Each structure stands twice: as C-alpha cells, then as structure tokens.
C-alpha cells in the first residue's frame, strides 16, 4: 500500500510542476524523473555565484583558449635526426625552386632593365669577388643541391621498402649528413 501512495504522490507532483531538462534528460534514471530529484539542490553555492549565460560561457572558453599553447610544438620534443632532416629537405627544396624562379624572372627582365646575365658576364663578375666570398657563395649554392639530392635518393630507397627500421632510418640520415658535408666542401673548394 505504501508503494502505491508513493507512486501516486510522484504522479501528482509531475502533473503540478513543470519538468526541468535535468530530470527529463534521456540519461536521467526513471526514478529521478518520477520523483523530480534535483541533483545539485544540496550542493553548497559559493558566495557571489550566479547563473551563467551562453555568452558568458563562450567568453570564458575564448579566454582559456588564448592561454593554451598552440599544439605541442617542437620545443617539447628531443631533437632527432629524422625530423631535422625532414624539415631541411623541405627547406632546401624551397631554396632550390625559389632560386630557379628568381633567376628565371631576372633572365627574362634583364633585356628590359639593361642587365647582362650571360655566362661570361656572371663569371667575370664572380672572379672579382674575394676568395672567401667565392667559397661562401659556392657553398650556399652547393649545400641545398647536394642535400636535397642525397635525401631524395634516401626517399627513393624507402620507396623500394628497404631501410625502414628506426635504426636504419637514423643511420641513413647521418649518411646523408656526411655525404652532404663532403660533397658541399668538395664542390666549393675544387670546382
């Protein structure tokens, strides 16, 4: 008999009170929705607390996002030869293609601007430079070419499915670094 009275009283309460989103939620238990239990009714309210509006919530969220770091960046990782060489491969590719485009545009604009971009003119101008400047310019031109070439061969080797374990990737990376250093110095000093 007492269980029937409890159900009748709960049904009367439901009929008299408007339902809240908390109790009619599809995740609320059936007993809670029948008895209109408010889960946070007994929770202490801090002094000065007020109901939050959607705009207030968004402001807080935006301020929190401004204080967060941009995705974990390179500073949290230990430098490894694999990711350094990956970045260098992209950088040298941009250097090579950018210098090709710049030279091409200069070559096309040379007659209009009165420049002499002939092989003989460039060789004569280059011969007037001091020896250190000549070697530096040769190294600046040779490094991206040799590095990108050797690293490209390394990537072609990976395309065949070989040298793909972590230790082999590290070893081939250091091989590319060594070959680049030797060939850059060779091209700069002897050619």
N, C-alpha and C. Protein backbone atom coordinates (compact mmCIF):
# COMPACT_ATOMS: atom_id res chain seq x y z
N UNK A 1 0.80 -1.18 0.00
CA UNK A 1 0.00 0.00 0.00
C UNK A 1 0.85 1.26 0.00
N UNK A 2 1.95 1.25 0.72
CA UNK A 2 2.80 2.44 0.80
C UNK A 2 3.50 2.71 -0.53
N UNK A 3 3.79 1.68 -1.28
CA UNK A 3 4.43 1.90 -2.58
C UNK A 3 3.46 2.53 -3.56
N UNK A 4 2.16 2.16 -3.46
CA UNK A 4 1.17 2.75 -4.33
C UNK A 4 1.00 4.25 -4.02
N UNK A 5 1.04 4.61 -2.73
CA UNK A 5 0.92 6.01 -2.35
C UNK A 5 2.12 6.82 -2.85
N UNK A 6 3.30 6.25 -2.79
CA UNK A 6 4.49 6.95 -3.26
C UNK A 6 4.39 7.22 -4.76
N UNK A 7 3.89 6.27 -5.51
CA UNK A 7 3.75 6.44 -6.96
C UNK A 7 2.68 7.48 -7.26
N UNK A 8 1.56 7.46 -6.50
CA UNK A 8 0.50 8.45 -6.71
C UNK A 8 1.00 9.86 -6.40
N UNK A 9 1.76 10.01 -5.32
CA UNK A 9 2.27 11.33 -4.97
C UNK A 9 3.26 11.82 -6.03
N UNK A 10 4.08 10.94 -6.51
CA UNK A 10 5.03 11.32 -7.55
C UNK A 10 4.30 11.74 -8.82
N UNK A 11 3.24 11.04 -9.16
CA UNK A 11 2.46 11.39 -10.35
C UNK A 11 1.79 12.75 -10.17
N UNK A 12 1.29 13.04 -8.97
CA UNK A 12 0.69 14.35 -8.71
C UNK A 12 1.74 15.46 -8.83
N UNK A 13 2.93 15.21 -8.29
CA UNK A 13 3.98 16.21 -8.39
C UNK A 13 4.35 16.49 -9.84
N UNK A 14 4.41 15.45 -10.63
CA UNK A 14 4.72 15.62 -12.05
C UNK A 14 3.65 16.45 -12.75
N UNK A 15 2.40 16.25 -12.36
CA UNK A 15 1.31 16.98 -13.00
C UNK A 15 1.31 18.44 -12.59
N UNK A 16 1.73 18.76 -11.38
CA UNK A 16 1.68 20.12 -10.89
C UNK A 16 2.91 20.94 -11.27
N UNK A 17 4.09 20.34 -11.28
CA UNK A 17 5.33 21.08 -11.52
C UNK A 17 5.76 20.94 -12.97
N UNK A 18 6.31 22.03 -13.55
CA UNK A 18 6.87 21.89 -14.89
C UNK A 18 8.16 21.07 -14.80
N UNK A 19 8.40 20.30 -15.82
CA UNK A 19 9.59 19.44 -15.80
C UNK A 19 10.82 20.26 -16.15
N UNK A 20 11.94 19.85 -15.65
CA UNK A 20 13.22 20.50 -15.96
C UNK A 20 14.00 19.63 -16.90
N UNK A 21 14.98 20.23 -17.56
CA UNK A 21 15.77 19.46 -18.53
C UNK A 21 16.60 18.40 -17.85
N UNK A 22 16.97 18.61 -16.56
CA UNK A 22 17.79 17.64 -15.86
C UNK A 22 17.02 16.36 -15.62
N UNK A 23 15.76 16.48 -15.23
CA UNK A 23 15.00 15.28 -14.89
C UNK A 23 14.39 14.62 -16.12
N UNK A 24 14.21 15.34 -17.19
CA UNK A 24 13.64 14.72 -18.39
C UNK A 24 14.72 14.30 -19.36
N UNK A 25 15.94 14.44 -18.97
CA UNK A 25 17.04 14.03 -19.84
C UNK A 25 16.95 12.54 -20.09
N UNK A 26 17.35 12.12 -21.25
CA UNK A 26 17.27 10.69 -21.54
C UNK A 26 18.31 9.90 -20.76
N UNK A 27 19.23 10.61 -20.10
CA UNK A 27 20.25 9.94 -19.30
C UNK A 27 19.85 9.87 -17.82
N UNK A 28 18.80 10.58 -17.41
CA UNK A 28 18.37 10.55 -16.02
C UNK A 28 17.69 9.21 -15.75
N UNK A 29 17.81 8.76 -14.52
CA UNK A 29 17.19 7.48 -14.17
C UNK A 29 15.67 7.66 -14.13
N UNK A 30 14.90 6.58 -14.34
CA UNK A 30 13.43 6.68 -14.31
C UNK A 30 12.91 7.14 -12.95
N UNK A 31 13.56 6.68 -11.88
CA UNK A 31 13.10 7.07 -10.55
C UNK A 31 13.30 8.56 -10.35
N UNK A 32 14.44 9.09 -10.82
CA UNK A 32 14.70 10.52 -10.67
C UNK A 32 13.69 11.35 -11.44
N UNK A 33 13.29 10.89 -12.62
CA UNK A 33 12.33 11.66 -13.38
C UNK A 33 10.93 11.57 -12.75
N UNK A 34 10.61 10.44 -12.10
CA UNK A 34 9.32 10.33 -11.42
C UNK A 34 9.27 11.19 -10.16
N UNK A 35 10.38 11.21 -9.43
CA UNK A 35 10.38 11.90 -8.14
C UNK A 35 10.89 13.32 -8.25
N UNK A 36 11.26 13.78 -9.40
CA UNK A 36 11.74 15.14 -9.61
C UNK A 36 12.94 15.46 -8.71
N UNK A 37 13.89 14.55 -8.65
CA UNK A 37 15.06 14.76 -7.81
C UNK A 37 15.96 15.79 -8.47
N UNK A 38 16.38 16.77 -7.72
CA UNK A 38 17.33 17.77 -8.21
C UNK A 38 18.68 17.40 -7.62
N UNK A 39 19.60 17.05 -8.48
CA UNK A 39 20.88 16.52 -8.02
C UNK A 39 21.74 17.56 -7.32
N UNK A 40 21.65 18.81 -7.72
CA UNK A 40 22.52 19.81 -7.14
C UNK A 40 21.79 20.69 -6.13
N UNK A 41 20.64 20.27 -5.64
CA UNK A 41 19.87 21.09 -4.70
C UNK A 41 20.60 21.22 -3.36
N UNK A 42 21.34 20.20 -2.96
CA UNK A 42 22.01 20.25 -1.66
C UNK A 42 23.46 20.71 -1.78
N UNK A 43 23.94 20.94 -2.99
CA UNK A 43 25.34 21.36 -3.16
C UNK A 43 25.50 22.79 -2.67
N UNK A 44 26.57 23.07 -1.94
CA UNK A 44 26.77 24.44 -1.47
C UNK A 44 27.06 25.38 -2.64
N UNK A 45 26.52 26.57 -2.59
CA UNK A 45 26.73 27.56 -3.64
C UNK A 45 27.77 28.55 -3.15
N UNK A 46 28.84 28.77 -3.92
CA UNK A 46 29.84 29.73 -3.47
C UNK A 46 29.27 31.14 -3.45
N UNK A 47 29.84 31.97 -2.60
CA UNK A 47 29.37 33.35 -2.48
C UNK A 47 29.57 34.07 -3.80
N UNK A 48 28.60 34.80 -4.23
CA UNK A 48 28.70 35.57 -5.46
C UNK A 48 28.45 34.76 -6.72
N UNK A 49 28.03 33.52 -6.58
CA UNK A 49 27.77 32.70 -7.77
C UNK A 49 26.47 33.16 -8.41
N UNK A 50 26.44 33.10 -9.71
CA UNK A 50 25.24 33.50 -10.44
C UNK A 50 25.07 32.54 -11.61
N UNK A 51 23.87 32.43 -12.08
CA UNK A 51 23.67 31.56 -13.25
C UNK A 51 24.43 32.12 -14.46
N UNK A 52 25.01 31.22 -15.23
CA UNK A 52 25.82 31.62 -16.39
C UNK A 52 24.96 31.62 -17.65
N UNK A 53 25.21 32.60 -18.48
CA UNK A 53 24.56 32.66 -19.78
C UNK A 53 25.49 32.01 -20.80
N UNK A 54 24.94 31.70 -21.96
CA UNK A 54 25.74 31.09 -23.01
C UNK A 54 26.89 32.00 -23.44
N UNK A 55 26.64 33.30 -23.55
CA UNK A 55 27.69 34.24 -23.95
C UNK A 55 28.81 34.30 -22.93
N UNK A 56 28.45 34.23 -21.64
CA UNK A 56 29.46 34.22 -20.59
C UNK A 56 30.34 32.98 -20.70
N UNK A 57 29.69 31.86 -20.95
CA UNK A 57 30.46 30.61 -21.11
C UNK A 57 31.43 30.71 -22.28
N UNK A 58 30.97 31.31 -23.37
CA UNK A 58 31.84 31.44 -24.55
C UNK A 58 33.01 32.37 -24.27
N UNK A 59 32.76 33.45 -23.49
CA UNK A 59 33.86 34.36 -23.15
C UNK A 59 34.93 33.64 -22.34
N UNK A 60 34.49 32.85 -21.37
CA UNK A 60 35.45 32.10 -20.56
C UNK A 60 36.22 31.12 -21.42
N UNK A 61 35.53 30.45 -22.32
CA UNK A 61 36.19 29.49 -23.20
C UNK A 61 37.22 30.17 -24.10
N UNK A 62 36.89 31.31 -24.64
CA UNK A 62 37.82 32.04 -25.51
C UNK A 62 39.06 32.47 -24.72
N UNK A 63 38.85 32.97 -23.48
CA UNK A 63 40.00 33.38 -22.66
C UNK A 63 40.88 32.18 -22.31
N UNK A 64 40.27 31.03 -22.05
CA UNK A 64 41.05 29.83 -21.75
C UNK A 64 41.85 29.39 -22.98
N UNK A 65 41.25 29.48 -24.15
CA UNK A 65 41.95 29.08 -25.37
C UNK A 65 43.14 29.99 -25.67
N UNK A 66 43.03 31.28 -25.31
CA UNK A 66 44.15 32.19 -25.53
C UNK A 66 45.33 31.86 -24.64
N UNK A 67 45.07 31.28 -23.47
CA UNK A 67 46.16 30.93 -22.56
C UNK A 67 46.79 29.58 -22.87
N UNK A 68 46.13 28.78 -23.69
CA UNK A 68 46.67 27.46 -24.03
C UNK A 68 47.78 27.60 -25.06
N UNK A 69 48.77 26.73 -24.99
CA UNK A 69 49.80 26.76 -26.03
C UNK A 69 49.23 26.22 -27.34
N UNK A 70 49.81 26.65 -28.43
CA UNK A 70 49.44 26.08 -29.71
C UNK A 70 49.97 24.66 -29.70
N UNK A 71 49.23 23.73 -30.17
CA UNK A 71 49.58 22.31 -30.18
C UNK A 71 51.00 22.04 -29.69
N UNK A 72 51.26 20.89 -29.15
CA UNK A 72 52.63 20.64 -28.68
C UNK A 72 53.60 20.95 -29.79
N UNK A 73 54.51 21.83 -29.53
CA UNK A 73 55.38 22.31 -30.58
C UNK A 73 56.75 21.65 -30.48
N UNK A 74 57.63 22.04 -31.36
CA UNK A 74 58.94 21.42 -31.45
C UNK A 74 59.75 21.55 -30.17
N UNK A 75 59.44 22.53 -29.34
CA UNK A 75 60.25 22.76 -28.15
C UNK A 75 60.08 21.66 -27.11
N UNK A 76 59.01 20.86 -27.18
CA UNK A 76 58.83 19.82 -26.18
C UNK A 76 59.45 18.49 -26.60
N UNK A 77 59.91 18.40 -27.83
CA UNK A 77 60.49 17.16 -28.31
C UNK A 77 62.01 17.21 -28.30
N UNK A 78 62.61 16.07 -28.07
CA UNK A 78 64.06 15.95 -28.16
C UNK A 78 64.42 15.98 -29.65
N UNK A 79 65.36 16.86 -30.04
CA UNK A 79 65.73 16.90 -31.46
C UNK A 79 66.27 15.56 -31.94
N UNK A 80 65.76 15.10 -33.07
CA UNK A 80 66.19 13.84 -33.66
C UNK A 80 66.57 14.09 -35.11
N UNK A 81 67.49 13.29 -35.59
CA UNK A 81 67.98 13.48 -36.95
C UNK A 81 66.86 13.31 -37.97
N UNK A 82 65.87 12.48 -37.67
CA UNK A 82 64.81 12.22 -38.65
C UNK A 82 63.96 13.46 -38.91
N UNK A 83 63.52 14.15 -37.85
CA UNK A 83 62.66 15.31 -38.11
C UNK A 83 63.44 16.54 -38.50
N UNK A 84 64.70 16.62 -38.11
CA UNK A 84 65.52 17.74 -38.57
C UNK A 84 65.78 17.61 -40.07
N UNK A 85 66.09 16.40 -40.52
CA UNK A 85 66.34 16.19 -41.95
C UNK A 85 65.06 16.35 -42.77
N UNK A 86 63.92 16.01 -42.20
CA UNK A 86 62.66 16.21 -42.92
C UNK A 86 62.42 17.70 -43.16
N UNK A 87 62.62 18.50 -42.13
CA UNK A 87 62.47 19.95 -42.30
C UNK A 87 63.50 20.53 -43.25
N UNK A 88 64.73 20.05 -43.16
CA UNK A 88 65.79 20.54 -44.06
C UNK A 88 65.51 20.16 -45.51
N UNK A 89 64.92 18.99 -45.72
CA UNK A 89 64.60 18.58 -47.09
C UNK A 89 63.58 19.54 -47.70
N UNK A 90 62.60 19.92 -46.92
CA UNK A 90 61.60 20.88 -47.42
C UNK A 90 62.21 22.25 -47.64
N UNK A 91 63.05 22.67 -46.69
CA UNK A 91 63.69 23.98 -46.78
C UNK A 91 64.60 24.06 -48.01
N UNK A 92 65.40 23.02 -48.25
CA UNK A 92 66.30 23.04 -49.41
C UNK A 92 65.51 22.95 -50.72
N UNK A 93 64.39 22.25 -50.71
CA UNK A 93 63.55 22.22 -51.90
C UNK A 93 63.00 23.59 -52.24
N UNK A 94 62.58 24.32 -51.20
CA UNK A 94 62.09 25.68 -51.42
C UNK A 94 63.22 26.58 -51.90
N UNK A 95 64.42 26.42 -51.32
CA UNK A 95 65.56 27.23 -51.75
C UNK A 95 65.90 26.98 -53.22
N UNK A 96 65.91 25.72 -53.62
CA UNK A 96 66.25 25.38 -55.00
C UNK A 96 65.20 25.91 -55.98
N UNK A 97 63.94 25.65 -55.68
CA UNK A 97 62.90 26.09 -56.61
C UNK A 97 62.77 27.61 -56.60
N UNK A 98 62.90 28.23 -55.43
CA UNK A 98 62.83 29.69 -55.35
C UNK A 98 63.95 30.37 -56.11
N UNK A 99 65.17 29.83 -56.00
CA UNK A 99 66.29 30.44 -56.73
C UNK A 99 66.13 30.24 -58.23
N UNK A 100 65.56 29.10 -58.64
CA UNK A 100 65.31 28.88 -60.06
C UNK A 100 64.30 29.89 -60.60
N UNK A 101 63.22 30.11 -59.85
CA UNK A 101 62.21 31.08 -60.28
C UNK A 101 62.77 32.50 -60.31
N UNK A 102 63.53 32.87 -59.27
CA UNK A 102 64.11 34.21 -59.25
C UNK A 102 65.08 34.43 -60.41
N UNK A 103 65.93 33.44 -60.67
CA UNK A 103 66.86 33.58 -61.79
C UNK A 103 66.11 33.64 -63.11
N UNK A 104 65.06 32.84 -63.26
CA UNK A 104 64.27 32.86 -64.49
C UNK A 104 63.62 34.21 -64.73
N UNK A 105 63.06 34.78 -63.67
CA UNK A 105 62.44 36.11 -63.83
C UNK A 105 63.49 37.18 -64.11
N UNK A 106 64.66 37.08 -63.45
CA UNK A 106 65.73 38.05 -63.71
C UNK A 106 66.24 37.92 -65.14
N UNK A 107 66.33 36.70 -65.64
CA UNK A 107 66.80 36.47 -67.01
C UNK A 107 65.81 37.07 -68.02
N UNK A 108 64.52 36.92 -67.73
CA UNK A 108 63.51 37.48 -68.63
C UNK A 108 63.46 39.00 -68.55
N UNK A 109 63.73 39.56 -67.37
CA UNK A 109 63.67 41.01 -67.20
C UNK A 109 64.98 41.70 -67.56
N UNK A 110 66.06 40.94 -67.75
CA UNK A 110 67.38 41.53 -67.99
C UNK A 110 67.42 42.44 -69.22
N UNK A 111 66.88 42.08 -70.36
CA UNK A 111 66.95 42.98 -71.51
C UNK A 111 66.22 44.30 -71.28
N UNK A 112 65.10 44.25 -70.55
CA UNK A 112 64.33 45.46 -70.29
C UNK A 112 65.08 46.37 -69.32
N UNK A 113 65.74 45.77 -68.32
CA UNK A 113 66.43 46.55 -67.29
C UNK A 113 67.88 46.87 -67.64
N UNK A 114 68.38 46.31 -68.72
CA UNK A 114 69.75 46.59 -69.13
C UNK A 114 70.81 45.77 -68.40
N UNK A 115 70.41 44.66 -67.81
CA UNK A 115 71.36 43.80 -67.11
C UNK A 115 72.03 42.87 -68.11
N UNK A 116 73.22 42.41 -67.75
CA UNK A 116 73.91 41.42 -68.56
C UNK A 116 73.99 40.12 -67.77
N UNK A 117 73.05 39.23 -68.05
CA UNK A 117 73.04 37.94 -67.34
C UNK A 117 73.48 36.86 -68.33
N UNK A 118 74.69 36.99 -68.80
CA UNK A 118 75.26 35.96 -69.65
C UNK A 118 76.25 35.16 -68.82
N UNK A 119 76.60 34.00 -69.30
CA UNK A 119 77.57 33.17 -68.57
C UNK A 119 78.90 33.88 -68.42
N UNK A 120 79.36 34.51 -69.50
CA UNK A 120 80.66 35.20 -69.44
C UNK A 120 80.60 36.40 -68.49
N UNK A 121 79.50 37.12 -68.50
CA UNK A 121 79.36 38.28 -67.62
C UNK A 121 79.31 37.87 -66.15
N UNK A 122 78.57 36.80 -65.85
CA UNK A 122 78.50 36.34 -64.47
C UNK A 122 79.84 35.77 -64.00
N UNK A 123 80.55 35.05 -64.87
CA UNK A 123 81.86 34.50 -64.50
C UNK A 123 82.86 35.63 -64.24
N UNK A 124 82.83 36.67 -65.07
CA UNK A 124 83.74 37.80 -64.88
C UNK A 124 83.42 38.54 -63.58
N UNK A 125 82.16 38.73 -63.29
CA UNK A 125 81.78 39.40 -62.04
C UNK A 125 82.13 38.56 -60.82
N UNK A 126 81.95 37.24 -60.93
CA UNK A 126 82.26 36.34 -59.82
C UNK A 126 83.77 36.29 -59.55
N UNK A 127 84.58 36.40 -60.60
CA UNK A 127 86.04 36.34 -60.45
C UNK A 127 86.57 37.55 -59.69
N UNK A 128 85.84 38.65 -59.67
CA UNK A 128 86.28 39.86 -58.96
C UNK A 128 86.04 39.77 -57.45
N UNK A 129 85.24 38.80 -56.99
CA UNK A 129 84.94 38.67 -55.57
C UNK A 129 86.17 38.18 -54.80
N UNK A 130 86.29 38.47 -53.51
CA UNK A 130 87.36 37.88 -52.70
C UNK A 130 87.17 36.35 -52.60
N UNK A 131 88.26 35.65 -52.33
CA UNK A 131 88.24 34.18 -52.31
C UNK A 131 87.24 33.64 -51.28
N UNK A 132 87.19 34.24 -50.10
CA UNK A 132 86.26 33.77 -49.05
C UNK A 132 84.81 33.94 -49.52
N UNK A 133 84.50 35.04 -50.17
CA UNK A 133 83.14 35.27 -50.67
C UNK A 133 82.80 34.27 -51.77
N UNK A 134 83.78 33.94 -52.61
CA UNK A 134 83.55 32.95 -53.66
C UNK A 134 83.23 31.58 -53.05
N UNK A 135 84.03 31.17 -52.08
CA UNK A 135 83.81 29.86 -51.45
C UNK A 135 82.46 29.85 -50.72
N UNK A 136 82.14 30.94 -50.03
CA UNK A 136 80.85 31.02 -49.34
C UNK A 136 79.67 30.95 -50.31
N UNK A 137 79.78 31.64 -51.43
CA UNK A 137 78.69 31.60 -52.42
C UNK A 137 78.55 30.21 -53.03
N UNK A 138 79.70 29.56 -53.29
CA UNK A 138 79.65 28.20 -53.83
C UNK A 138 79.02 27.23 -52.83
N UNK A 139 79.37 27.39 -51.54
CA UNK A 139 78.78 26.52 -50.53
C UNK A 139 77.28 26.77 -50.39
N UNK A 140 76.90 28.04 -50.47
CA UNK A 140 75.48 28.38 -50.39
C UNK A 140 74.69 27.78 -51.56
N UNK A 141 75.32 27.70 -52.71
CA UNK A 141 74.65 27.10 -53.87
C UNK A 141 74.73 25.57 -53.84
N UNK A 142 75.84 25.02 -53.33
CA UNK A 142 76.05 23.57 -53.37
C UNK A 142 75.28 22.84 -52.28
N UNK A 143 75.16 23.45 -51.10
CA UNK A 143 74.51 22.74 -49.98
C UNK A 143 73.09 22.30 -50.29
N UNK A 144 72.18 23.19 -50.71
CA UNK A 144 70.81 22.71 -50.95
C UNK A 144 70.74 21.67 -52.05
N UNK A 145 71.57 21.84 -53.07
CA UNK A 145 71.54 20.88 -54.18
C UNK A 145 71.99 19.50 -53.72
N UNK A 146 73.13 19.43 -53.03
CA UNK A 146 73.65 18.11 -52.62
C UNK A 146 72.75 17.48 -51.56
N UNK A 147 72.32 18.27 -50.58
CA UNK A 147 71.48 17.69 -49.53
C UNK A 147 70.17 17.17 -50.11
N UNK A 148 69.51 17.98 -50.92
CA UNK A 148 68.23 17.56 -51.48
C UNK A 148 68.40 16.34 -52.39
N UNK A 149 69.51 16.28 -53.10
CA UNK A 149 69.77 15.13 -53.97
C UNK A 149 69.98 13.85 -53.16
N UNK A 150 70.84 13.91 -52.14
CA UNK A 150 71.11 12.71 -51.34
C UNK A 150 69.88 12.30 -50.53
N UNK A 151 69.16 13.26 -50.00
CA UNK A 151 67.96 12.92 -49.25
C UNK A 151 66.88 12.38 -50.18
N UNK A 152 66.84 12.86 -51.42
CA UNK A 152 65.91 12.31 -52.40
C UNK A 152 66.23 10.86 -52.72
N UNK A 153 67.53 10.54 -52.83
CA UNK A 153 67.92 9.14 -53.04
C UNK A 153 67.52 8.27 -51.85
N UNK A 154 67.63 8.84 -50.66
CA UNK A 154 67.21 8.12 -49.45
C UNK A 154 65.72 7.83 -49.50
N UNK A 155 64.92 8.80 -49.92
CA UNK A 155 63.48 8.58 -50.03
C UNK A 155 63.16 7.57 -51.13
N UNK A 156 63.89 7.59 -52.22
CA UNK A 156 63.68 6.58 -53.26
C UNK A 156 64.01 5.18 -52.75
N UNK A 157 65.02 5.09 -51.89
CA UNK A 157 65.36 3.80 -51.30
C UNK A 157 64.22 3.33 -50.39
N UNK A 158 63.62 4.25 -49.66
CA UNK A 158 62.47 3.88 -48.81
C UNK A 158 61.30 3.42 -49.66
N UNK A 159 61.13 4.00 -50.86
CA UNK A 159 60.03 3.60 -51.73
C UNK A 159 60.15 2.15 -52.18
N UNK A 160 61.37 1.62 -52.16
CA UNK A 160 61.55 0.20 -52.51
C UNK A 160 61.24 -0.71 -51.33
N UNK A 161 61.04 -0.12 -50.14
CA UNK A 161 60.70 -0.91 -48.96
C UNK A 161 61.91 -1.32 -48.14
N UNK A 162 63.07 -0.75 -48.41
CA UNK A 162 64.26 -1.11 -47.63
C UNK A 162 64.68 0.04 -46.72
N UNK A 163 65.45 -0.30 -45.71
CA UNK A 163 66.00 0.66 -44.75
C UNK A 163 64.89 1.40 -43.99
N UNK A 164 63.87 0.67 -43.52
CA UNK A 164 62.74 1.32 -42.88
C UNK A 164 62.65 1.13 -41.37
N UNK A 165 63.57 0.38 -40.77
CA UNK A 165 63.53 0.28 -39.31
C UNK A 165 64.05 1.58 -38.71
N UNK A 166 63.77 1.81 -37.44
CA UNK A 166 64.18 3.07 -36.81
C UNK A 166 65.69 3.26 -36.89
N UNK A 167 66.45 2.22 -36.56
CA UNK A 167 67.91 2.36 -36.57
C UNK A 167 68.43 2.58 -37.99
N UNK A 168 67.87 1.92 -38.98
CA UNK A 168 68.30 2.12 -40.36
C UNK A 168 67.97 3.52 -40.85
N UNK A 169 66.82 4.06 -40.45
CA UNK A 169 66.45 5.42 -40.84
C UNK A 169 67.43 6.42 -40.23
N UNK A 170 67.80 6.21 -38.97
CA UNK A 170 68.78 7.10 -38.33
C UNK A 170 70.13 6.99 -39.01
N UNK A 171 70.56 5.75 -39.32
CA UNK A 171 71.86 5.56 -39.99
C UNK A 171 71.89 6.20 -41.37
N UNK A 172 70.83 6.03 -42.14
CA UNK A 172 70.82 6.65 -43.47
C UNK A 172 70.75 8.17 -43.36
N UNK A 173 70.12 8.67 -42.30
CA UNK A 173 70.08 10.11 -42.08
C UNK A 173 71.48 10.67 -41.85
N UNK A 174 72.24 10.03 -40.99
CA UNK A 174 73.60 10.50 -40.74
C UNK A 174 74.49 10.31 -41.97
N UNK A 175 74.20 9.28 -42.77
CA UNK A 175 74.94 9.10 -44.03
C UNK A 175 74.67 10.27 -44.96
N UNK A 176 73.42 10.71 -45.05
CA UNK A 176 73.09 11.86 -45.88
C UNK A 176 73.80 13.11 -45.38
N UNK A 177 73.86 13.30 -44.06
CA UNK A 177 74.55 14.46 -43.50
C UNK A 177 76.04 14.42 -43.87
N UNK A 178 76.67 13.26 -43.72
CA UNK A 178 78.10 13.14 -44.06
C UNK A 178 78.37 13.36 -45.53
N UNK A 179 77.58 12.72 -46.39
CA UNK A 179 77.77 12.89 -47.83
C UNK A 179 77.54 14.33 -48.26
N UNK A 180 76.56 14.98 -47.64
CA UNK A 180 76.29 16.39 -47.96
C UNK A 180 77.46 17.27 -47.58
N UNK A 181 78.01 17.05 -46.39
CA UNK A 181 79.15 17.88 -45.94
C UNK A 181 80.36 17.69 -46.85
N UNK A 182 80.69 16.46 -47.17
CA UNK A 182 81.87 16.19 -48.01
C UNK A 182 81.67 16.74 -49.42
N UNK A 183 80.51 16.49 -50.00
CA UNK A 183 80.28 16.94 -51.38
C UNK A 183 80.14 18.46 -51.46
N UNK A 184 79.55 19.11 -50.45
CA UNK A 184 79.46 20.57 -50.45
C UNK A 184 80.85 21.19 -50.39
N UNK A 185 81.68 20.69 -49.49
CA UNK A 185 83.06 21.21 -49.41
C UNK A 185 83.83 20.92 -50.69
N UNK A 186 83.66 19.72 -51.24
CA UNK A 186 84.35 19.39 -52.49
C UNK A 186 83.95 20.30 -53.64
N UNK A 187 82.64 20.54 -53.78
CA UNK A 187 82.19 21.41 -54.85
C UNK A 187 82.64 22.85 -54.64
N UNK A 188 82.64 23.30 -53.39
CA UNK A 188 83.00 24.69 -53.11
C UNK A 188 84.50 24.93 -53.26
N UNK A 189 85.31 23.97 -52.88
CA UNK A 189 86.76 24.18 -52.88
C UNK A 189 87.43 23.80 -54.21
N UNK A 190 86.92 22.81 -54.91
CA UNK A 190 87.64 22.28 -56.07
C UNK A 190 86.96 22.55 -57.39
N UNK A 191 85.83 23.15 -57.43
CA UNK A 191 85.19 23.44 -58.72
C UNK A 191 84.95 24.93 -58.84
